[in-house]
Amino acid sequence: MEKTVIPTVTELAIGTKYAAKQMAAKAGEWMPSHHANLESVLFIFEGKCLMKMDGEEIILKPGQAIVIPPMVKHQIKAVTDYKGIHFMSKDIKFEFFK
């Protein structure tokens, strides 16, 4: 059975306006479905993940990035163990769904 988990998050850099955070999850894990009030960018540097967003499913591999628009519900599944960097405004607010 696949499980929903909070990914491992590590702050990499925090500026006056922006933050970069590493996200990591194990193969088969789903992150909670959520949206945010501001746009952000997810860059994958290790493994593969599946992004479900706006009615589409997109496989992201190392070296690929995706822009996540504001207020668009999305969810990520780790296809393999994966790591990515999430670039975002420090003012971003997330809302999680069950």
PDB file of N, CA and C in Angstrom:
ATOM      1  N   MET A   1       0.842  -1.185   0.000  1.00  0.00           N
ATOM      2  CA  MET A   1       0.000   0.000   0.000  1.00  0.00           C
ATOM      3  C   MET A   1       0.886   1.246   0.000  1.00  0.00           C
ATOM      4  N   GLU A   2       0.547   2.187  -0.860  1.00  0.00           N
ATOM      5  CA  GLU A   2       1.297   3.443  -0.917  1.00  0.00           C
ATOM      6  C   GLU A   2       0.861   4.337   0.234  1.00  0.00           C
ATOM      7  N   LYS A   3       1.813   5.088   0.747  1.00  0.00           N
ATOM      8  CA  LYS A   3       1.477   5.941   1.879  1.00  0.00           C
ATOM      9  C   LYS A   3       1.782   7.396   1.563  1.00  0.00           C
ATOM     10  N   THR A   4       1.056   8.274   2.227  1.00  0.00           N
ATOM     11  CA  THR A   4       1.282   9.710   2.106  1.00  0.00           C
ATOM     12  C   THR A   4       2.163  10.134   3.271  1.00  0.00           C
ATOM     13  N   VAL A   5       3.231  10.849   2.940  1.00  0.00           N
ATOM     14  CA  VAL A   5       4.182  11.272   3.970  1.00  0.00           C
ATOM     15  C   VAL A   5       4.572  12.727   3.749  1.00  0.00           C
ATOM     16  N   ILE A   6       5.049  13.333   4.791  1.00  0.00           N
ATOM     17  CA  ILE A   6       5.669  14.652   4.667  1.00  0.00           C
ATOM     18  C   ILE A   6       7.108  14.394   4.230  1.00  0.00           C
ATOM     19  N   PRO A   7       7.558  14.996   3.127  1.00  0.00           N
ATOM     20  CA  PRO A   7       8.925  14.735   2.668  1.00  0.00           C
ATOM     21  C   PRO A   7       9.953  15.282   3.656  1.00  0.00           C
ATOM     22  N   THR A   8      11.157  14.750   3.578  1.00  0.00           N
ATOM     23  CA  THR A   8      12.264  15.298   4.350  1.00  0.00           C
ATOM     24  C   THR A   8      12.640  16.635   3.716  1.00  0.00           C
ATOM     25  N   VAL A   9      12.621  17.703   4.499  1.00  0.00           N
ATOM     26  CA  VAL A   9      12.906  19.047   3.979  1.00  0.00           C
ATOM     27  C   VAL A   9      14.123  19.608   4.711  1.00  0.00           C
ATOM     28  N   THR A  10      15.085  20.097   3.926  1.00  0.00           N
ATOM     29  CA  THR A  10      16.296  20.704   4.469  1.00  0.00           C
ATOM     30  C   THR A  10      16.456  22.094   3.880  1.00  0.00           C
ATOM     31  N   GLU A  11      16.542  23.112   4.726  1.00  0.00           N
ATOM     32  CA  GLU A  11      16.766  24.472   4.222  1.00  0.00           C
ATOM     33  C   GLU A  11      18.189  24.572   3.695  1.00  0.00           C
ATOM     34  N   LEU A  12      18.328  25.008   2.442  1.00  0.00           N
ATOM     35  CA  LEU A  12      19.646  25.147   1.823  1.00  0.00           C
ATOM     36  C   LEU A  12      20.135  26.588   1.841  1.00  0.00           C
ATOM     37  N   ALA A  13      19.230  27.514   1.561  1.00  0.00           N
ATOM     38  CA  ALA A  13      19.585  28.941   1.529  1.00  0.00           C
ATOM     39  C   ALA A  13      18.328  29.750   1.783  1.00  0.00           C
ATOM     40  N   ILE A  14      18.449  30.744   2.646  1.00  0.00           N
ATOM     41  CA  ILE A  14      17.330  31.628   2.962  1.00  0.00           C
ATOM     42  C   ILE A  14      17.816  33.056   2.785  1.00  0.00           C
ATOM     43  N   GLY A  15      17.179  33.782   1.876  1.00  0.00           N
ATOM     44  CA  GLY A  15      17.540  35.173   1.642  1.00  0.00           C
ATOM     45  C   GLY A  15      16.497  36.096   2.234  1.00  0.00           C
ATOM     46  N   THR A  16      16.528  37.349   1.833  1.00  0.00           N
ATOM     47  CA  THR A  16      15.543  38.302   2.338  1.00  0.00           C
ATOM     48  C   THR A  16      14.187  38.105   1.676  1.00  0.00           C
ATOM     49  N   LYS A  17      14.161  37.563   0.446  1.00  0.00           N
ATOM     50  CA  LYS A  17      12.898  37.362  -0.268  1.00  0.00           C
ATOM     51  C   LYS A  17      12.636  35.920  -0.682  1.00  0.00           C
ATOM     52  N   TYR A  18      13.700  35.138  -0.876  1.00  0.00           N
ATOM     53  CA  TYR A  18      13.541  33.795  -1.431  1.00  0.00           C
ATOM     54  C   TYR A  18      14.208  32.738  -0.567  1.00  0.00           C
ATOM     55  N   ALA A  19      13.744  31.481  -0.763  1.00  0.00           N
ATOM     56  CA  ALA A  19      14.308  30.337  -0.051  1.00  0.00           C
ATOM     57  C   ALA A  19      14.504  29.185  -1.029  1.00  0.00           C
ATOM     58  N   ALA A  20      15.503  28.374  -0.749  1.00  0.00           N
ATOM     59  CA  ALA A  20      15.738  27.135  -1.490  1.00  0.00           C
ATOM     60  C   ALA A  20      15.760  26.011  -0.465  1.00  0.00           C
ATOM     61  N   LYS A  21      14.898  25.019  -0.673  1.00  0.00           N
ATOM     62  CA  LYS A  21      14.786  23.910   0.271  1.00  0.00           C
ATOM     63  C   LYS A  21      14.909  22.593  -0.474  1.00  0.00           C
ATOM     64  N   GLN A  22      15.731  21.691   0.075  1.00  0.00           N
ATOM     65  CA  GLN A  22      15.841  20.363  -0.510  1.00  0.00           C
ATOM     66  C   GLN A  22      14.688  19.517  -0.013  1.00  0.00           C
ATOM     67  N   MET A  23      14.058  18.780  -0.927  1.00  0.00           N
ATOM     68  CA  MET A  23      12.987  17.851  -0.584  1.00  0.00           C
ATOM     69  C   MET A  23      13.449  16.458  -0.973  1.00  0.00           C
ATOM     70  N   ALA A  24      13.153  15.473  -0.143  1.00  0.00           N
ATOM     71  CA  ALA A  24      13.547  14.096  -0.436  1.00  0.00           C
ATOM     72  C   ALA A  24      12.448  13.145   0.016  1.00  0.00           C
ATOM     73  N   ALA A  25      12.260  12.069  -0.758  1.00  0.00           N
ATOM     74  CA  ALA A  25      11.278  11.047  -0.403  1.00  0.00           C
ATOM     75  C   ALA A  25      11.752   9.703  -0.938  1.00  0.00           C
ATOM     76  N   LYS A  26      11.231   8.646  -0.355  1.00  0.00           N
ATOM     77  CA  LYS A  26      11.569   7.281  -0.752  1.00  0.00           C
ATOM     78  C   LYS A  26      10.590   6.788  -1.818  1.00  0.00           C
ATOM     79  N   ALA A  27      11.047   5.850  -2.633  1.00  0.00           N
ATOM     80  CA  ALA A  27      10.228   5.285  -3.705  1.00  0.00           C
ATOM     81  C   ALA A  27       8.868   4.828  -3.177  1.00  0.00           C
ATOM     82  N   GLY A  28       7.813   5.196  -3.893  1.00  0.00           N
ATOM     83  CA  GLY A  28       6.457   4.792  -3.538  1.00  0.00           C
ATOM     84  C   GLY A  28       5.724   5.753  -2.623  1.00  0.00           C
ATOM     85  N   GLU A  29       6.425   6.690  -2.023  1.00  0.00           N
ATOM     86  CA  GLU A  29       5.775   7.633  -1.110  1.00  0.00           C
ATOM     87  C   GLU A  29       5.100   8.763  -1.886  1.00  0.00           C
ATOM     88  N   TRP A  30       3.915   9.137  -1.437  1.00  0.00           N
ATOM     89  CA  TRP A  30       3.183  10.297  -1.962  1.00  0.00           C
ATOM     90  C   TRP A  30       3.308  11.433  -0.962  1.00  0.00           C
ATOM     91  N   MET A  31       3.564  12.636  -1.457  1.00  0.00           N
ATOM     92  CA  MET A  31       3.485  13.813  -0.612  1.00  0.00           C
ATOM     93  C   MET A  31       2.009  14.221  -0.522  1.00  0.00           C
ATOM     94  N   PRO A  32       1.609  14.923   0.517  1.00  0.00           N
ATOM     95  CA  PRO A  32       0.210  15.342   0.617  1.00  0.00           C
ATOM     96  C   PRO A  32      -0.186  16.263  -0.542  1.00  0.00           C
ATOM     97  N   SER A  33      -1.421  16.141  -0.974  1.00  0.00           N
ATOM     98  CA  SER A  33      -1.963  17.039  -1.990  1.00  0.00           C
ATOM     99  C   SER A  33      -2.070  18.437  -1.378  1.00  0.00           C
ATOM    100  N   HIS A  34      -1.664  19.458  -2.150  1.00  0.00           N
ATOM    101  CA  HIS A  34      -1.662  20.818  -1.605  1.00  0.00           C
ATOM    102  C   HIS A  34      -1.615  21.853  -2.721  1.00  0.00           C
ATOM    103  N   HIS A  35      -1.796  23.099  -2.338  1.00  0.00           N
ATOM    104  CA  HIS A  35      -1.512  24.227  -3.228  1.00  0.00           C
ATOM    105  C   HIS A  35      -0.882  25.332  -2.389  1.00  0.00           C
ATOM    106  N   ALA A  36      -0.384  26.351  -3.092  1.00  0.00           N
ATOM    107  CA  ALA A  36       0.262  27.476  -2.411  1.00  0.00           C
ATOM    108  C   ALA A  36      -0.242  28.774  -3.023  1.00  0.00           C
ATOM    109  N   ASN A  37      -0.115  29.839  -2.277  1.00  0.00           N
ATOM    110  CA  ASN A  37      -0.612  31.143  -2.734  1.00  0.00           C
ATOM    111  C   ASN A  37       0.311  31.803  -3.756  1.00  0.00           C
ATOM    112  N   LEU A  38       1.548  31.325  -3.873  1.00  0.00           N
ATOM    113  CA  LEU A  38       2.522  31.938  -4.779  1.00  0.00           C
ATOM    114  C   LEU A  38       3.171  30.883  -5.669  1.00  0.00           C
ATOM    115  N   GLU A  39       3.661  31.321  -6.809  1.00  0.00           N
ATOM    116  CA  GLU A  39       4.384  30.455  -7.735  1.00  0.00           C
ATOM    117  C   GLU A  39       5.689  29.966  -7.104  1.00  0.00           C
ATOM    118  N   SER A  40       6.092  28.749  -7.469  1.00  0.00           N
ATOM    119  CA  SER A  40       7.385  28.216  -7.034  1.00  0.00           C
ATOM    120  C   SER A  40       7.946  27.333  -8.146  1.00  0.00           C
ATOM    121  N   VAL A  41       9.189  26.896  -7.968  1.00  0.00           N
ATOM    122  CA  VAL A  41       9.854  26.047  -8.957  1.00  0.00           C
ATOM    123  C   VAL A  41      10.456  24.847  -8.239  1.00  0.00           C
ATOM    124  N   LEU A  42      10.229  23.657  -8.797  1.00  0.00           N
ATOM    125  CA  LEU A  42      10.826  22.436  -8.270  1.00  0.00           C
ATOM    126  C   LEU A  42      11.830  21.912  -9.292  1.00  0.00           C
ATOM    127  N   PHE A  43      13.078  21.712  -8.864  1.00  0.00           N
ATOM    128  CA  PHE A  43      14.159  21.186  -9.702  1.00  0.00           C
ATOM    129  C   PHE A  43      14.579  19.827  -9.154  1.00  0.00           C
ATOM    130  N   ILE A  44      14.571  18.806  -9.998  1.00  0.00           N
ATOM    131  CA  ILE A  44      14.944  17.457  -9.579  1.00  0.00           C
ATOM    132  C   ILE A  44      16.420  17.228  -9.888  1.00  0.00           C
ATOM    133  N   PHE A  45      17.175  16.724  -8.899  1.00  0.00           N
ATOM    134  CA  PHE A  45      18.583  16.439  -9.166  1.00  0.00           C
ATOM    135  C   PHE A  45      18.971  14.987  -8.896  1.00  0.00           C
ATOM    136  N   GLU A  46      18.046  14.196  -8.361  1.00  0.00           N
ATOM    137  CA  GLU A  46      18.343  12.783  -8.120  1.00  0.00           C
ATOM    138  C   GLU A  46      17.049  11.986  -8.139  1.00  0.00           C
ATOM    139  N   GLY A  47      17.029  10.855  -8.852  1.00  0.00           N
ATOM    140  CA  GLY A  47      15.857   9.993  -8.898  1.00  0.00           C
ATOM    141  C   GLY A  47      14.768  10.534  -9.807  1.00  0.00           C
ATOM    142  N   LYS A  48      13.569   9.950  -9.661  1.00  0.00           N
ATOM    143  CA  LYS A  48      12.423  10.359 -10.483  1.00  0.00           C
ATOM    144  C   LYS A  48      11.201  10.544  -9.601  1.00  0.00           C
ATOM    145  N   CYS A  49      10.358  11.499  -9.990  1.00  0.00           N
ATOM    146  CA  CYS A  49       9.085  11.682  -9.297  1.00  0.00           C
ATOM    147  C   CYS A  49       7.981  11.934 -10.317  1.00  0.00           C
ATOM    148  N   LEU A  50       6.768  11.694  -9.890  1.00  0.00           N
ATOM    149  CA  LEU A  50       5.575  11.931 -10.693  1.00  0.00           C
ATOM    150  C   LEU A  50       4.856  13.127 -10.100  1.00  0.00           C
ATOM    151  N   MET A  51       4.626  14.149 -10.900  1.00  0.00           N
ATOM    152  CA  MET A  51       3.881  15.336 -10.461  1.00  0.00           C
ATOM    153  C   MET A  51       2.476  15.246 -11.041  1.00  0.00           C
ATOM    154  N   LYS A  52       1.473  15.198 -10.157  1.00  0.00           N
ATOM    155  CA  LYS A  52       0.077  15.284 -10.593  1.00  0.00           C
ATOM    156  C   LYS A  52      -0.347  16.729 -10.382  1.00  0.00           C
ATOM    157  N   MET A  53      -0.690  17.407 -11.488  1.00  0.00           N
ATOM    158  CA  MET A  53      -1.026  18.825 -11.387  1.00  0.00           C
ATOM    159  C   MET A  53      -1.943  19.206 -12.532  1.00  0.00           C
ATOM    160  N   ASP A  54      -3.032  19.876 -12.194  1.00  0.00           N
ATOM    161  CA  ASP A  54      -3.911  20.441 -13.213  1.00  0.00           C
ATOM    162  C   ASP A  54      -4.388  19.384 -14.209  1.00  0.00           C
ATOM    163  N   GLY A  55      -4.728  18.186 -13.706  1.00  0.00           N
ATOM    164  CA  GLY A  55      -5.253  17.126 -14.557  1.00  0.00           C
ATOM    165  C   GLY A  55      -4.213  16.377 -15.369  1.00  0.00           C
ATOM    166  N   GLU A  56      -2.939  16.673 -15.170  1.00  0.00           N
ATOM    167  CA  GLU A  56      -1.866  16.002 -15.906  1.00  0.00           C
ATOM    168  C   GLU A  56      -0.953  15.261 -14.945  1.00  0.00           C
ATOM    169  N   GLU A  57      -0.286  14.239 -15.474  1.00  0.00           N
ATOM    170  CA  GLU A  57       0.753  13.528 -14.732  1.00  0.00           C
ATOM    171  C   GLU A  57       2.053  13.692 -15.503  1.00  0.00           C
ATOM    172  N   ILE A  58       3.072  14.203 -14.838  1.00  0.00           N
ATOM    173  CA  ILE A  58       4.344  14.505 -15.479  1.00  0.00           C
ATOM    174  C   ILE A  58       5.451  13.796 -14.707  1.00  0.00           C
ATOM    175  N   ILE A  59       6.272  13.021 -15.412  1.00  0.00           N
ATOM    176  CA  ILE A  59       7.447  12.395 -14.795  1.00  0.00           C
ATOM    177  C   ILE A  59       8.599  13.390 -14.868  1.00  0.00           C
ATOM    178  N   LEU A  60       9.219  13.651 -13.734  1.00  0.00           N
ATOM    179  CA  LEU A  60      10.374  14.552 -13.664  1.00  0.00           C
ATOM    180  C   LEU A  60      11.620  13.747 -13.337  1.00  0.00           C
ATOM    181  N   LYS A  61      12.682  13.989 -14.103  1.00  0.00           N
ATOM    182  CA  LYS A  61      13.953  13.280 -13.964  1.00  0.00           C
ATOM    183  C   LYS A  61      15.053  14.274 -13.618  1.00  0.00           C
ATOM    184  N   PRO A  62      16.216  13.778 -13.218  1.00  0.00           N
ATOM    185  CA  PRO A  62      17.320  14.684 -12.879  1.00  0.00           C
ATOM    186  C   PRO A  62      17.612  15.690 -13.994  1.00  0.00           C
ATOM    187  N   GLY A  63      17.774  16.944 -13.580  1.00  0.00           N
ATOM    188  CA  GLY A  63      18.042  18.030 -14.520  1.00  0.00           C
ATOM    189  C   GLY A  63      16.794  18.729 -15.010  1.00  0.00           C
ATOM    190  N   GLN A  64      15.604  18.214 -14.659  1.00  0.00           N
ATOM    191  CA  GLN A  64      14.357  18.843 -15.088  1.00  0.00           C
ATOM    192  C   GLN A  64      13.769  19.681 -13.956  1.00  0.00           C
ATOM    193  N   ALA A  65      13.034  20.711 -14.363  1.00  0.00           N
ATOM    194  CA  ALA A  65      12.369  21.599 -13.405  1.00  0.00           C
ATOM    195  C   ALA A  65      10.948  21.840 -13.877  1.00  0.00           C
ATOM    196  N   ILE A  66      10.090  22.211 -12.939  1.00  0.00           N
ATOM    197  CA  ILE A  66       8.710  22.542 -13.272  1.00  0.00           C
ATOM    198  C   ILE A  66       8.288  23.767 -12.470  1.00  0.00           C
ATOM    199  N   VAL A  67       7.571  24.662 -13.134  1.00  0.00           N
ATOM    200  CA  VAL A  67       6.989  25.823 -12.461  1.00  0.00           C
ATOM    201  C   VAL A  67       5.631  25.394 -11.922  1.00  0.00           C
ATOM    202  N   ILE A  68       5.405  25.649 -10.651  1.00  0.00           N
ATOM    203  CA  ILE A  68       4.133  25.327 -10.010  1.00  0.00           C
ATOM    204  C   ILE A  68       3.381  26.638  -9.823  1.00  0.00           C
ATOM    205  N   PRO A  69       2.306  26.841 -10.603  1.00  0.00           N
ATOM    206  CA  PRO A  69       1.566  28.103 -10.511  1.00  0.00           C
ATOM    207  C   PRO A  69       0.858  28.252  -9.158  1.00  0.00           C
ATOM    208  N   PRO A  70       0.535  29.482  -8.789  1.00  0.00           N
ATOM    209  CA  PRO A  70      -0.188  29.690  -7.538  1.00  0.00           C
ATOM    210  C   PRO A  70      -1.588  29.090  -7.603  1.00  0.00           C
ATOM    211  N   MET A  71      -2.036  28.568  -6.474  1.00  0.00           N
ATOM    212  CA  MET A  71      -3.386  28.059  -6.264  1.00  0.00           C
ATOM    213  C   MET A  71      -3.742  26.865  -7.155  1.00  0.00           C
ATOM    214  N   VAL A  72      -2.737  26.157  -7.665  1.00  0.00           N
ATOM    215  CA  VAL A  72      -2.980  24.945  -8.450  1.00  0.00           C
ATOM    216  C   VAL A  72      -2.677  23.742  -7.557  1.00  0.00           C
ATOM    217  N   LYS A  73      -3.715  22.948  -7.307  1.00  0.00           N
ATOM    218  CA  LYS A  73      -3.570  21.766  -6.465  1.00  0.00           C
ATOM    219  C   LYS A  73      -2.637  20.771  -7.163  1.00  0.00           C
ATOM    220  N   HIS A  74      -1.696  20.216  -6.397  1.00  0.00           N
ATOM    221  CA  HIS A  74      -0.753  19.267  -6.966  1.00  0.00           C
ATOM    222  C   HIS A  74      -0.293  18.276  -5.900  1.00  0.00           C
ATOM    223  N   GLN A  75       0.269  17.176  -6.396  1.00  0.00           N
ATOM    224  CA  GLN A  75       0.754  16.127  -5.510  1.00  0.00           C
ATOM    225  C   GLN A  75       1.936  15.444  -6.193  1.00  0.00           C
ATOM    226  N   ILE A  76       2.900  15.018  -5.408  1.00  0.00           N
ATOM    227  CA  ILE A  76       4.110  14.390  -5.934  1.00  0.00           C
ATOM    228  C   ILE A  76       4.245  12.981  -5.362  1.00  0.00           C
ATOM    229  N   LYS A  77       4.595  12.047  -6.252  1.00  0.00           N
ATOM    230  CA  LYS A  77       4.916  10.677  -5.842  1.00  0.00           C
ATOM    231  C   LYS A  77       6.372  10.403  -6.202  1.00  0.00           C
ATOM    232  N   ALA A  78       7.105   9.823  -5.274  1.00  0.00           N
ATOM    233  CA  ALA A  78       8.479   9.402  -5.553  1.00  0.00           C
ATOM    234  C   ALA A  78       8.411   8.090  -6.336  1.00  0.00           C
ATOM    235  N   VAL A  79       8.783   8.128  -7.612  1.00  0.00           N
ATOM    236  CA  VAL A  79       8.821   6.918  -8.435  1.00  0.00           C
ATOM    237  C   VAL A  79      10.011   6.065  -7.998  1.00  0.00           C
ATOM    238  N   THR A  80      11.139   6.717  -7.779  1.00  0.00           N
ATOM    239  CA  THR A  80      12.316   6.116  -7.153  1.00  0.00           C
ATOM    240  C   THR A  80      12.646   7.021  -5.965  1.00  0.00           C
ATOM    241  N   ASP A  81      13.592   6.640  -5.144  1.00  0.00           N
ATOM    242  CA  ASP A  81      14.067   7.597  -4.142  1.00  0.00           C
ATOM    243  C   ASP A  81      14.446   8.858  -4.916  1.00  0.00           C
ATOM    244  N   TYR A  82      14.021  10.006  -4.453  1.00  0.00           N
ATOM    245  CA  TYR A  82      14.332  11.222  -5.207  1.00  0.00           C
ATOM    246  C   TYR A  82      14.700  12.364  -4.277  1.00  0.00           C
ATOM    247  N   LYS A  83      15.413  13.342  -4.880  1.00  0.00           N
ATOM    248  CA  LYS A  83      15.739  14.592  -4.198  1.00  0.00           C
ATOM    249  C   LYS A  83      15.541  15.728  -5.187  1.00  0.00           C
ATOM    250  N   GLY A  84      15.001  16.806  -4.689  1.00  0.00           N
ATOM    251  CA  GLY A  84      14.799  17.987  -5.514  1.00  0.00           C
ATOM    252  C   GLY A  84      15.030  19.236  -4.690  1.00  0.00           C
ATOM    253  N   ILE A  85      15.139  20.345  -5.377  1.00  0.00           N
ATOM    254  CA  ILE A  85      15.250  21.639  -4.704  1.00  0.00           C
ATOM    255  C   ILE A  85      14.022  22.451  -5.059  1.00  0.00           C
ATOM    256  N   HIS A  86      13.340  22.933  -4.031  1.00  0.00           N
ATOM    257  CA  HIS A  86      12.130  23.740  -4.187  1.00  0.00           C
ATOM    258  C   HIS A  86      12.523  25.198  -3.949  1.00  0.00           C
ATOM    259  N   PHE A  87      12.400  26.003  -4.998  1.00  0.00           N
ATOM    260  CA  PHE A  87      12.709  27.433  -4.924  1.00  0.00           C
ATOM    261  C   PHE A  87      11.399  28.184  -4.738  1.00  0.00           C
ATOM    262  N   MET A  88      11.347  29.056  -3.713  1.00  0.00           N
ATOM    263  CA  MET A  88      10.078  29.719  -3.392  1.00  0.00           C
ATOM    264  C   MET A  88      10.309  31.060  -2.709  1.00  0.00           C
ATOM    265  N   SER A  89       9.264  31.866  -2.730  1.00  0.00           N
ATOM    266  CA  SER A  89       9.262  33.113  -1.974  1.00  0.00           C
ATOM    267  C   SER A  89       9.182  32.783  -0.486  1.00  0.00           C
ATOM    268  N   LYS A  90       9.812  33.592   0.339  1.00  0.00           N
ATOM    269  CA  LYS A  90       9.677  33.405   1.783  1.00  0.00           C
ATOM    270  C   LYS A  90       8.252  33.672   2.254  1.00  0.00           C
ATOM    271  N   ASP A  91       7.455  34.363   1.429  1.00  0.00           N
ATOM    272  CA  ASP A  91       6.076  34.691   1.791  1.00  0.00           C
ATOM    273  C   ASP A  91       5.081  33.603   1.394  1.00  0.00           C
ATOM    274  N   ILE A  92       5.546  32.497   0.848  1.00  0.00           N
ATOM    275  CA  ILE A  92       4.643  31.450   0.369  1.00  0.00           C
ATOM    276  C   ILE A  92       3.886  30.817   1.537  1.00  0.00           C
ATOM    277  N   LYS A  93       2.629  30.491   1.286  1.00  0.00           N
ATOM    278  CA  LYS A  93       1.770  29.822   2.272  1.00  0.00           C
ATOM    279  C   LYS A  93       1.172  28.592   1.595  1.00  0.00           C
ATOM    280  N   PHE A  94       1.247  27.449   2.265  1.00  0.00           N
ATOM    281  CA  PHE A  94       0.737  26.194   1.724  1.00  0.00           C
ATOM    282  C   PHE A  94      -0.572  25.810   2.402  1.00  0.00           C
ATOM    283  N   GLU A  95      -1.468  25.185   1.635  1.00  0.00           N
ATOM    284  CA  GLU A  95      -2.692  24.603   2.184  1.00  0.00           C
ATOM    285  C   GLU A  95      -2.712  23.144   1.754  1.00  0.00           C
ATOM    286  N   PHE A  96      -2.818  22.240   2.734  1.00  0.00           N
ATOM    287  CA  PHE A  96      -2.789  20.809   2.462  1.00  0.00           C
ATOM    288  C   PHE A  96      -4.195  20.234   2.488  1.00  0.00           C
ATOM    289  N   PHE A  97      -4.416  19.190   1.667  1.00  0.00           N
ATOM    290  CA  PHE A  97      -5.716  18.533   1.547  1.00  0.00           C
ATOM    291  C   PHE A  97      -5.569  17.062   1.903  1.00  0.00           C
ATOM    292  N   LYS A  98      -6.663  16.477   2.356  1.00  0.00           N
ATOM    293  CA  LYS A  98      -6.664  15.027   2.640  1.00  0.00           C
ATOM    294  C   LYS A  98      -7.064  14.271   1.415  1.00  0.00           C
TER     295      LYS A  98
END
